[in-house]
Amino acid sequence: ARSLWSRDGAMASSAVEPKIMTLLMVVQDGKVLLGYKKRGFGEGLWNGFGGKVEPGETPTEGALRELREEACIDATDATERGVVTFVYDDKPRPMQVHIFHASQFTGVPTETDEMRPAWFDLEAVPFDKMWPDDELWYPMFLAGKKFSGTFWFTNTTTIVRHELREVESLE
């Protein structure tokens, strides 16, 4: 298969277009709001809130909709911090994930069929119960930096290689 090259010149994936996904974390008062994934991809792990961008939606609109669906809250100051591509040897398409930060929201975080929200101190983020890449990009995310990268996985959860760097802009 021929390779596709991302806009930053790094090999991003195989010849198939990536699924466009979102991830949003609310960080407030030294804590981060994560959700325990109750079903579907990532079941049993703590993660931010997110999912597929629907046709006609921007990544920002998708991130806000997913947060509302999964935690019953509305972020009022979401900003994009990162774009990370995940390539899996056991999945047909890579995922291009737009990662958002918010610190303000309306509503009360509420458990849904898919996610159980909980606050974690920033010094006690449960990385051992999260996707293995999170530990690598969270420091940039929490420091307010913009970043992009690619993670290559085998057997869905084992990182075999990664590229990650701070960027000036996500455009």
Protein backbone atom coordinates (compact mmCIF):
# COMPACT_ATOMS: atom_id res chain seq x y z
CA ALA A 1 0.00 0.00 0.00
CA ARG A 2 1.19 3.50 -0.70
CA SER A 3 1.74 5.85 2.20
CA LEU A 4 -0.10 9.04 2.92
CA TRP A 5 1.89 11.96 4.27
CA SER A 6 0.39 14.29 6.79
CA ARG A 7 0.56 18.04 6.34
CA ASP A 8 3.63 18.14 8.60
CA GLY A 9 5.50 15.69 6.37
CA ALA A 10 5.44 12.72 8.74
CA MET A 11 4.11 9.38 7.61
CA ALA A 12 0.64 9.38 9.08
CA SER A 13 -1.08 6.19 8.00
CA SER A 14 -1.69 3.65 5.29
CA ALA A 15 -3.61 4.45 2.12
CA VAL A 16 -6.96 4.82 3.90
CA GLU A 17 -8.30 8.11 5.21
CA PRO A 18 -8.33 8.36 8.99
CA LYS A 19 -11.50 8.55 11.06
CA ILE A 20 -11.79 12.07 12.48
CA MET A 21 -12.30 11.89 16.23
CA THR A 22 -12.31 14.21 19.24
CA LEU A 23 -11.19 14.12 22.85
CA LEU A 24 -11.99 16.81 25.42
CA MET A 25 -10.68 17.12 28.97
CA VAL A 26 -12.03 19.61 31.49
CA VAL A 27 -9.26 20.90 33.78
CA GLN A 28 -10.33 23.04 36.73
CA ASP A 29 -8.86 23.92 40.14
CA GLY A 30 -5.94 21.47 39.91
CA LYS A 31 -8.15 18.59 38.81
CA VAL A 32 -9.05 16.90 35.52
CA LEU A 33 -12.47 15.42 34.72
CA LEU A 34 -12.14 11.98 33.15
CA GLY A 35 -14.72 9.37 32.27
CA TYR A 36 -14.58 5.64 32.95
CA LYS A 37 -15.52 3.99 29.64
CA LYS A 38 -18.32 1.52 30.32
CA ARG A 39 -18.68 0.08 26.81
CA GLY A 40 -17.24 0.19 23.30
CA PHE A 41 -13.70 1.05 22.17
CA GLY A 42 -11.55 1.68 25.25
CA GLU A 43 -13.95 -0.07 27.63
CA GLY A 44 -12.52 -0.30 31.15
CA LEU A 45 -10.17 2.68 30.73
CA TRP A 46 -10.31 6.27 32.04
CA ASN A 47 -10.25 8.84 29.26
CA GLY A 48 -11.39 12.28 28.23
CA PHE A 49 -14.77 12.62 26.55
CA GLY A 50 -15.12 12.33 22.80
CA GLY A 51 -15.83 10.25 19.75
CA LYS A 52 -16.47 10.47 16.04
CA VAL A 53 -17.00 13.79 14.28
CA GLU A 54 -20.33 13.50 12.47
CA PRO A 55 -20.79 14.56 8.81
CA GLY A 56 -21.19 18.34 8.62
CA GLU A 57 -19.63 18.93 12.07
CA THR A 58 -16.34 20.63 12.80
CA PRO A 59 -14.05 18.89 15.30
CA THR A 60 -14.96 21.60 17.85
CA GLU A 61 -18.69 20.98 17.37
CA GLY A 62 -18.11 17.22 17.64
CA ALA A 63 -16.09 17.59 20.85
CA LEU A 64 -18.78 19.74 22.48
CA ARG A 65 -21.57 17.37 21.39
CA GLU A 66 -19.70 14.30 22.69
CA LEU A 67 -19.04 15.99 26.06
CA ARG A 68 -22.75 16.79 26.34
CA GLU A 69 -23.75 13.20 25.39
CA GLU A 70 -21.20 11.48 27.62
CA ALA A 71 -21.06 13.73 30.73
CA CYS A 72 -24.20 15.94 30.46
CA ILE A 73 -22.19 19.19 30.59
CA ASP A 74 -21.48 22.02 28.13
CA ALA A 75 -17.94 23.40 27.91
CA THR A 76 -17.95 27.17 27.46
CA ASP A 77 -14.25 27.77 26.69
CA ALA A 78 -13.00 24.74 24.72
CA THR A 79 -9.75 25.26 22.81
CA GLU A 80 -7.90 22.81 20.61
CA ARG A 81 -4.51 21.81 22.02
CA GLY A 82 -3.43 18.86 19.88
CA VAL A 83 -3.93 16.66 16.84
CA VAL A 84 -2.69 13.11 17.22
CA THR A 85 -3.01 10.25 14.72
CA PHE A 86 -3.31 6.69 16.01
CA VAL A 87 -2.37 3.87 13.62
CA TYR A 88 -3.34 0.32 14.65
CA ASP A 89 -2.08 -2.87 13.04
CA ASP A 90 -5.38 -4.57 13.92
CA LYS A 91 -7.85 -1.85 12.87
CA PRO A 92 -8.75 -0.97 9.26
CA ARG A 93 -8.44 2.81 9.63
CA PRO A 94 -6.24 5.12 11.65
CA MET A 95 -7.84 7.71 13.92
CA GLN A 96 -6.98 11.39 13.75
CA VAL A 97 -7.92 12.77 17.17
CA HIS A 98 -8.42 16.49 17.83
CA ILE A 99 -7.68 17.08 21.53
CA PHE A 100 -9.45 19.91 23.36
CA HIS A 101 -9.03 21.61 26.74
CA ALA A 102 -11.78 23.35 28.67
CA SER A 103 -11.84 24.86 32.15
CA GLN A 104 -15.38 26.23 32.31
CA PHE A 105 -18.68 24.42 31.79
CA THR A 106 -22.35 24.54 32.65
CA GLY A 107 -24.31 21.63 34.10
CA VAL A 108 -23.30 18.88 36.50
CA PRO A 109 -21.07 15.97 35.38
CA THR A 110 -23.46 13.01 35.30
CA GLU A 111 -22.98 9.30 34.57
CA THR A 112 -24.38 8.10 31.23
CA ASP A 113 -24.71 4.69 29.54
CA GLU A 114 -21.21 5.12 28.11
CA MET A 115 -19.16 7.04 30.71
CA ARG A 116 -18.87 7.53 34.49
CA PRO A 117 -17.23 10.93 35.13
CA ALA A 118 -14.87 11.54 38.06
CA TRP A 119 -12.41 14.28 39.06
CA PHE A 120 -8.71 13.43 39.55
CA ASP A 121 -5.98 15.58 41.08
CA LEU A 122 -3.46 16.51 38.38
CA GLU A 123 -0.76 14.79 40.47
CA ALA A 124 -2.85 11.58 40.60
CA VAL A 125 -4.02 11.05 37.01
CA PRO A 126 -4.59 7.24 36.74
CA PHE A 127 -2.20 6.67 33.81
CA ASP A 128 -2.00 2.95 34.66
CA LYS A 129 -5.73 2.69 33.81
CA MET A 130 -5.61 4.85 30.65
CA TRP A 131 -4.41 4.51 27.05
CA PRO A 132 -0.59 4.21 27.13
CA ASP A 133 -0.06 7.28 24.90
CA ASP A 134 -1.80 9.60 27.39
CA GLU A 135 1.21 9.70 29.69
CA LEU A 136 3.33 10.98 26.78
CA TRP A 137 1.19 13.91 25.59
CA TYR A 138 -0.61 14.95 28.82
CA PRO A 139 2.39 17.00 30.07
CA MET A 140 2.23 19.20 26.93
CA PHE A 141 -1.57 19.36 27.15
CA LEU A 142 -1.55 20.41 30.81
CA ALA A 143 1.22 22.96 30.20
CA GLY A 144 -1.02 24.74 27.68
CA LYS A 145 1.18 23.82 24.70
CA LYS A 146 -0.04 22.90 21.23
CA PHE A 147 1.22 19.56 19.91
CA SER A 148 0.90 17.05 17.10
CA GLY A 149 2.08 13.53 16.60
CA THR A 150 1.49 9.96 15.55
CA PHE A 151 1.38 6.79 17.63
CA TRP A 152 1.68 3.34 16.04
CA PHE A 153 0.09 0.48 18.00
CA THR A 154 0.21 -3.30 17.77
CA ASN A 155 -2.60 -5.40 19.26
CA THR A 156 -4.61 -2.17 19.85
CA THR A 157 -2.85 -1.15 23.09
CA THR A 158 0.93 -1.59 22.69
CA ILE A 159 2.88 1.41 21.34
CA VAL A 160 5.59 0.32 18.92
CA ARG A 161 6.68 3.80 17.83
CA HIS A 162 5.67 7.40 18.27
CA GLU A 163 6.46 10.92 17.10
CA LEU A 164 5.29 13.84 19.21
CA ARG A 165 6.27 17.49 19.12
CA GLU A 166 5.21 20.92 20.22
CA VAL A 167 3.88 23.10 17.37
CA GLU A 168 3.15 26.81 17.01
CA SER A 169 -0.19 26.26 15.34
CA LEU A 170 -2.59 23.40 14.60
CA GLU A 171 -3.58 24.92 11.22
